[in-house]
Amino acid sequence: MKQYFIYILTNKKRTLNYIGVTSNLIKRIEEHKSHVMKGFTQKYNLDILIYVEAYEDVKEAIEREKQLKRWHKQWKWNLIKSQNPKLEEIFLN
């Protein structure tokens, strides 16, 4: 069964975040880390994975991404810290 992921990236200073959705998390994070994708994440060096949620339904994953993007900044940080209190990078195998 295919899985879908919402993920949150940050920068070295942990000052900004980016929320995305993908079906291939490892490939997507590699793309962010290599800065091949032009735009917000490249401009602000958002390439440190600090939060992930997995879904079996793509519609659920997309809806969750939209929901999180509407949240206030502090709500997002509180969510991240509830699972990753030290805001450490999550490494994927």
C-alpha atoms as a PDB file:
ATOM      1  CA  MET A   1       0.000   0.000   0.000  1.00  0.00           C
ATOM      2  CA  LYS A   2       1.291   3.431  -0.946  1.00  0.00           C
ATOM      3  CA  GLN A   3       2.025   5.986   1.775  1.00  0.00           C
ATOM      4  CA  TYR A   4       1.878   9.754   1.640  1.00  0.00           C
ATOM      5  CA  PHE A   5       3.698  12.113   3.938  1.00  0.00           C
ATOM      6  CA  ILE A   6       3.341  15.649   5.131  1.00  0.00           C
ATOM      7  CA  TYR A   7       6.648  17.013   6.263  1.00  0.00           C
ATOM      8  CA  ILE A   8       8.031  20.154   7.818  1.00  0.00           C
ATOM      9  CA  LEU A   9      11.424  21.591   7.022  1.00  0.00           C
ATOM     10  CA  THR A  10      13.340  24.327   8.796  1.00  0.00           C
ATOM     11  CA  ASN A  11      16.658  26.125   8.430  1.00  0.00           C
ATOM     12  CA  LYS A  12      19.820  26.008  10.552  1.00  0.00           C
ATOM     13  CA  LYS A  13      18.617  28.870  12.754  1.00  0.00           C
ATOM     14  CA  ARG A  14      15.180  27.226  13.187  1.00  0.00           C
ATOM     15  CA  THR A  15      13.500  30.540  12.296  1.00  0.00           C
ATOM     16  CA  LEU A  16      11.241  29.531   9.413  1.00  0.00           C
ATOM     17  CA  ASN A  17       9.421  26.423   8.317  1.00  0.00           C
ATOM     18  CA  TYR A  18       8.010  24.889   5.159  1.00  0.00           C
ATOM     19  CA  ILE A  19       5.206  22.336   4.944  1.00  0.00           C
ATOM     20  CA  GLY A  20       4.951  19.955   2.010  1.00  0.00           C
ATOM     21  CA  VAL A  21       3.337  16.693   0.942  1.00  0.00           C
ATOM     22  CA  THR A  22       4.876  13.820  -1.021  1.00  0.00           C
ATOM     23  CA  SER A  23       4.603  10.121  -1.751  1.00  0.00           C
ATOM     24  CA  ASN A  24       8.395   9.687  -1.819  1.00  0.00           C
ATOM     25  CA  LEU A  25       9.793  11.335   1.281  1.00  0.00           C
ATOM     26  CA  ILE A  26      13.418  10.291   0.837  1.00  0.00           C
ATOM     27  CA  LYS A  27      13.581  11.581  -2.738  1.00  0.00           C
ATOM     28  CA  ARG A  28      11.803  14.808  -1.839  1.00  0.00           C
ATOM     29  CA  ILE A  29      14.132  15.585   1.080  1.00  0.00           C
ATOM     30  CA  GLU A  30      17.141  14.856  -1.142  1.00  0.00           C
ATOM     31  CA  GLU A  31      15.756  17.382  -3.648  1.00  0.00           C
ATOM     32  CA  HIS A  32      15.444  20.008  -0.917  1.00  0.00           C
ATOM     33  CA  LYS A  33      18.941  19.286   0.407  1.00  0.00           C
ATOM     34  CA  SER A  34      20.519  19.559  -3.052  1.00  0.00           C
ATOM     35  CA  HIS A  35      18.642  22.841  -3.679  1.00  0.00           C
ATOM     36  CA  VAL A  36      17.575  21.757  -7.158  1.00  0.00           C
ATOM     37  CA  MET A  37      14.116  23.211  -6.643  1.00  0.00           C
ATOM     38  CA  LYS A  38      13.869  26.953  -7.090  1.00  0.00           C
ATOM     39  CA  GLY A  39      11.650  28.880  -4.722  1.00  0.00           C
ATOM     40  CA  PHE A  40      10.964  29.462  -1.045  1.00  0.00           C
ATOM     41  CA  THR A  41      12.873  26.489   0.382  1.00  0.00           C
ATOM     42  CA  GLN A  42      15.981  27.239  -1.669  1.00  0.00           C
ATOM     43  CA  LYS A  43      15.865  30.982  -0.956  1.00  0.00           C
ATOM     44  CA  TYR A  44      15.703  30.455   2.820  1.00  0.00           C
ATOM     45  CA  ASN A  45      17.789  27.240   3.006  1.00  0.00           C
ATOM     46  CA  LEU A  46      14.901  25.198   4.376  1.00  0.00           C
ATOM     47  CA  ASP A  47      16.393  21.723   4.127  1.00  0.00           C
ATOM     48  CA  ILE A  48      16.316  20.259   7.649  1.00  0.00           C
ATOM     49  CA  LEU A  49      13.524  17.736   8.202  1.00  0.00           C
ATOM     50  CA  ILE A  50      12.040  18.169  11.687  1.00  0.00           C
ATOM     51  CA  TYR A  51       8.524  16.693  11.461  1.00  0.00           C
ATOM     52  CA  VAL A  52       6.699  13.958   9.513  1.00  0.00           C
ATOM     53  CA  GLU A  53       3.189  12.457   9.458  1.00  0.00           C
ATOM     54  CA  ALA A  54       2.285   9.418   7.328  1.00  0.00           C
ATOM     55  CA  TYR A  55      -1.056   8.760   5.625  1.00  0.00           C
ATOM     56  CA  GLU A  56      -2.480   5.978   3.474  1.00  0.00           C
ATOM     57  CA  ASP A  57      -4.975   8.301   1.766  1.00  0.00           C
ATOM     58  CA  VAL A  58      -3.571  11.050  -0.446  1.00  0.00           C
ATOM     59  CA  LYS A  59      -6.650  13.210   0.105  1.00  0.00           C
ATOM     60  CA  GLU A  60      -6.124  13.067   3.882  1.00  0.00           C
ATOM     61  CA  ALA A  61      -2.484  14.030   3.486  1.00  0.00           C
ATOM     62  CA  ILE A  62      -3.306  16.987   1.245  1.00  0.00           C
ATOM     63  CA  GLU A  63      -6.059  18.147   3.577  1.00  0.00           C
ATOM     64  CA  ARG A  64      -3.698  17.954   6.556  1.00  0.00           C
ATOM     65  CA  GLU A  65      -1.059  19.935   4.663  1.00  0.00           C
ATOM     66  CA  LYS A  66      -3.626  22.649   3.899  1.00  0.00           C
ATOM     67  CA  GLN A  67      -4.784  22.660   7.520  1.00  0.00           C
ATOM     68  CA  LEU A  68      -1.250  23.075   8.874  1.00  0.00           C
ATOM     69  CA  LYS A  69      -0.477  25.847   6.398  1.00  0.00           C
ATOM     70  CA  ARG A  70      -3.447  27.791   7.786  1.00  0.00           C
ATOM     71  CA  TRP A  71      -2.245  27.449  11.389  1.00  0.00           C
ATOM     72  CA  HIS A  72      -0.571  30.267  13.291  1.00  0.00           C
ATOM     73  CA  LYS A  73       3.213  30.023  13.428  1.00  0.00           C
ATOM     74  CA  GLN A  74       3.253  29.214  17.155  1.00  0.00           C
ATOM     75  CA  TRP A  75       0.734  26.368  16.727  1.00  0.00           C
ATOM     76  CA  LYS A  76       3.045  24.791  14.139  1.00  0.00           C
ATOM     77  CA  TRP A  77       6.064  25.091  16.424  1.00  0.00           C
ATOM     78  CA  ASN A  78       4.063  23.601  19.304  1.00  0.00           C
ATOM     79  CA  LEU A  79       3.083  20.633  17.109  1.00  0.00           C
ATOM     80  CA  ILE A  80       6.671  20.082  16.008  1.00  0.00           C
ATOM     81  CA  LYS A  81       7.991  20.342  19.572  1.00  0.00           C
ATOM     82  CA  SER A  82       5.370  17.856  20.821  1.00  0.00           C
ATOM     83  CA  GLN A  83       7.130  15.184  18.711  1.00  0.00           C
ATOM     84  CA  ASN A  84      10.614  16.680  18.444  1.00  0.00           C
ATOM     85  CA  PRO A  85      11.253  18.887  21.512  1.00  0.00           C
ATOM     86  CA  LYS A  86      14.894  19.622  20.635  1.00  0.00           C
ATOM     87  CA  LEU A  87      14.061  20.394  16.995  1.00  0.00           C
ATOM     88  CA  GLU A  88      16.645  17.841  15.893  1.00  0.00           C
ATOM     89  CA  GLU A  89      16.981  16.832  12.273  1.00  0.00           C
ATOM     90  CA  ILE A  90      15.182  13.636  11.321  1.00  0.00           C
ATOM     91  CA  PHE A  91      17.423  11.402   9.220  1.00  0.00           C
ATOM     92  CA  LEU A  92      15.870   8.957   6.761  1.00  0.00           C
ATOM     93  CA  ASN A  93      17.338   5.620   5.699  1.00  0.00           C
END
